[in-house]
Amino acid sequence: MPARLLLGVLLTCAAVLAPAPAVAEPATPVAAPWTSPLGNPPQVPRPFAPPPSPYGPGHRGADLAGVPGDVVAAAGDGVVVFAGMVAGRPVVSVDHAGGLRTTYEPVDPAVAAGQTVSRGSPLGTLLAGHAGCPAAACLHWGLRRGEVYLDPLALLRPPRVRLLPLG
């Protein structure tokens, strides 16, 4: 095969087999999966302080400042698993995907166990009387995965992207 013909065949094959140029599509904004249950950004007079041991002292949630009667919203999509009294305080608990459970207290519930809720939908209203609260009322917002308590405020932070070097 003459060199000129071979070169033509190779160039044609290269043009046909070459990948199409990449075209950037406009970014579609995606709603954050979590929202503050009380104000955005929330006022946090007392942050999460994990106990040193499972039964040790600590603060297993974050207190968010508010006023009595504020609407308390679901932090994320889920199913209400409890709405009632625990140790004399009204509590609402919601199960979320990934084994997460959020708790809210003291809340006069407007939901019932078994009810599906969406991020931002009302769970009830904030009541006064949370011990140690420097505001008119505080919502104690808790987060667990299984039996492990986590910082609920971490749900509101953008995810950290960490790029690792190749090789």
Protein backbone atom coordinates (compact mmCIF):
# COMPACT_ATOMS: atom_id res chain seq x y z
CA MET A 1 0.00 0.00 0.00
CA PRO A 2 1.50 3.32 -0.97
CA ALA A 3 2.44 5.59 1.92
CA ARG A 4 0.05 8.30 0.80
CA LEU A 5 -2.94 5.95 0.86
CA LEU A 6 -1.90 4.52 4.25
CA LEU A 7 -1.66 8.04 5.68
CA GLY A 8 -5.17 8.86 4.37
CA VAL A 9 -6.64 5.70 5.92
CA LEU A 10 -4.96 6.41 9.26
CA LEU A 11 -6.20 10.03 9.33
CA THR A 12 -9.75 8.96 8.46
CA CYS A 13 -9.73 6.31 11.21
CA ALA A 14 -8.36 8.81 13.70
CA ALA A 15 -11.09 11.33 12.84
CA VAL A 16 -13.87 8.73 13.14
CA LEU A 17 -12.57 7.13 16.34
CA ALA A 18 -11.53 10.34 18.12
CA PRO A 19 -13.74 11.20 21.09
CA ALA A 20 -16.12 14.10 20.71
CA PRO A 21 -15.03 17.25 22.49
CA ALA A 22 -16.42 17.56 26.01
CA VAL A 23 -19.13 20.13 26.43
CA ALA A 24 -19.74 21.52 29.90
CA GLU A 25 -23.38 21.46 30.88
CA PRO A 26 -24.65 24.25 33.10
CA ALA A 27 -24.62 23.26 36.74
CA THR A 28 -28.05 22.44 38.10
CA PRO A 29 -28.39 23.69 41.64
CA VAL A 30 -29.20 20.86 44.02
CA ALA A 31 -31.08 21.66 47.21
CA ALA A 32 -29.17 20.86 50.36
CA PRO A 33 -30.56 17.71 51.97
CA TRP A 34 -30.59 19.35 55.42
CA THR A 35 -31.85 22.58 56.91
CA SER A 36 -31.77 24.16 60.33
CA PRO A 37 -34.87 23.24 62.34
CA LEU A 38 -34.94 26.70 63.92
CA GLY A 39 -33.69 29.78 62.06
CA ASN A 40 -31.10 30.00 59.34
CA PRO A 41 -28.38 30.34 60.37
CA PRO A 42 -29.28 29.03 63.79
CA GLN A 43 -28.14 30.81 66.94
CA VAL A 44 -26.24 28.24 69.01
CA PRO A 45 -25.84 29.16 72.68
CA ARG A 46 -24.64 25.64 73.54
CA PRO A 47 -22.91 23.44 70.96
CA PHE A 48 -22.51 19.66 70.82
CA ALA A 49 -19.99 18.36 73.40
CA PRO A 50 -19.62 14.57 73.07
CA PRO A 51 -19.12 12.61 76.26
CA PRO A 52 -15.73 10.92 76.76
CA SER A 53 -17.50 7.60 77.29
CA PRO A 54 -20.98 6.27 76.46
CA TYR A 55 -22.27 7.06 79.96
CA GLY A 56 -20.12 10.10 80.76
CA PRO A 57 -21.21 13.71 81.05
CA GLY A 58 -21.53 15.76 77.89
CA HIS A 59 -24.00 17.58 75.71
CA ARG A 60 -25.41 15.11 73.19
CA GLY A 61 -26.89 17.70 70.87
CA ALA A 62 -26.86 21.43 70.10
CA ASP A 63 -29.14 24.03 71.66
CA LEU A 64 -30.65 26.48 69.19
CA ALA A 65 -32.04 29.78 70.54
CA GLY A 66 -35.60 30.78 69.78
CA VAL A 67 -38.78 32.05 71.35
CA PRO A 68 -41.75 30.03 72.59
CA GLY A 69 -44.13 29.34 69.71
CA ASP A 70 -41.44 29.25 67.00
CA VAL A 71 -42.16 26.60 64.38
CA VAL A 72 -39.70 23.71 64.60
CA ALA A 73 -39.00 22.21 61.17
CA ALA A 74 -37.78 18.77 60.13
CA ALA A 75 -34.06 19.02 59.37
CA GLY A 76 -34.39 16.48 56.55
CA ASP A 77 -36.76 14.07 54.84
CA GLY A 78 -37.80 11.16 57.01
CA VAL A 79 -40.43 9.39 59.07
CA VAL A 80 -41.56 10.45 62.53
CA VAL A 81 -40.83 7.55 64.86
CA PHE A 82 -41.85 9.21 68.12
CA ALA A 83 -43.87 12.25 69.20
CA GLY A 84 -44.62 12.35 72.90
CA MET A 85 -43.24 12.70 76.40
CA VAL A 86 -39.82 11.48 77.54
CA ALA A 87 -38.84 12.15 81.16
CA GLY A 88 -41.51 14.84 81.40
CA ARG A 89 -40.42 16.67 78.22
CA PRO A 90 -42.16 16.65 74.83
CA VAL A 91 -39.89 15.13 72.17
CA VAL A 92 -40.16 14.47 68.43
CA SER A 93 -37.82 11.95 66.76
CA VAL A 94 -37.40 11.48 63.02
CA ASP A 95 -35.62 8.62 61.22
CA HIS A 96 -33.72 9.56 58.05
CA ALA A 97 -31.89 7.64 55.33
CA GLY A 98 -28.47 6.27 56.19
CA GLY A 99 -29.45 5.22 59.70
CA LEU A 100 -29.65 8.78 61.05
CA ARG A 101 -32.15 9.91 63.67
CA THR A 102 -32.77 13.53 64.67
CA THR A 103 -34.49 14.54 67.91
CA TYR A 104 -36.14 17.81 68.85
CA GLU A 105 -37.17 18.95 72.36
CA PRO A 106 -39.08 20.62 73.96
CA VAL A 107 -41.56 20.63 71.06
CA ASP A 108 -45.34 20.60 71.20
CA PRO A 109 -45.80 18.10 68.36
CA ALA A 110 -47.97 18.72 65.32
CA VAL A 111 -47.00 15.31 63.90
CA ALA A 112 -47.53 11.69 64.91
CA ALA A 113 -45.45 8.53 64.76
CA GLY A 114 -45.51 6.97 61.31
CA GLN A 115 -45.97 10.30 59.51
CA THR A 116 -43.64 11.06 56.59
CA VAL A 117 -42.04 14.52 56.73
CA SER A 118 -40.03 16.54 54.24
CA ARG A 119 -37.07 18.80 54.90
CA GLY A 120 -38.44 22.05 56.33
CA SER A 121 -41.94 20.77 57.11
CA PRO A 122 -43.31 21.72 60.56
CA LEU A 123 -42.90 19.21 63.37
CA GLY A 124 -44.48 21.39 66.04
CA THR A 125 -43.83 24.51 68.10
CA LEU A 126 -41.01 25.32 70.47
CA LEU A 127 -41.83 25.43 74.17
CA ALA A 128 -39.99 27.28 76.92
CA GLY A 129 -38.30 25.44 79.73
CA HIS A 130 -35.09 23.91 78.42
CA ALA A 131 -32.69 23.94 81.39
CA GLY A 132 -29.60 26.11 80.99
CA CYS A 133 -30.99 28.04 78.03
CA PRO A 134 -29.95 31.72 78.05
CA ALA A 135 -32.69 32.65 75.51
CA ALA A 136 -36.47 32.81 75.90
CA ALA A 137 -36.50 29.20 74.67
CA CYS A 138 -33.99 26.72 73.26
CA LEU A 139 -34.46 23.75 71.00
CA HIS A 140 -32.27 20.81 71.94
CA TRP A 141 -31.48 19.27 68.55
CA GLY A 142 -29.88 15.83 68.64
CA LEU A 143 -28.43 13.49 66.01
CA ARG A 144 -27.54 9.81 66.22
CA ARG A 145 -26.43 7.07 63.91
CA GLY A 146 -27.36 3.89 65.74
CA GLU A 147 -26.22 4.43 69.32
CA VAL A 148 -23.52 6.98 68.43
CA TYR A 149 -24.31 10.64 69.07
CA LEU A 150 -23.13 13.04 66.37
CA ASP A 151 -22.97 16.83 66.03
CA PRO A 152 -26.24 17.88 64.36
CA LEU A 153 -24.66 21.15 63.21
CA ALA A 154 -22.41 19.07 60.91
CA LEU A 155 -25.52 18.44 58.79
CA LEU A 156 -25.60 22.15 57.94
CA ARG A 157 -21.96 22.46 56.90
CA PRO A 158 -21.01 22.00 53.25
CA PRO A 159 -19.21 18.69 52.69
CA ARG A 160 -15.42 18.83 52.67
CA VAL A 161 -13.91 17.79 49.39
CA ARG A 162 -10.56 16.18 49.76
CA LEU A 163 -8.54 15.37 46.70
CA LEU A 164 -5.89 12.71 47.06
CA PRO A 165 -2.83 12.60 44.84
CA LEU A 166 -2.70 9.91 42.19
CA GLY A 167 -0.24 7.11 42.82
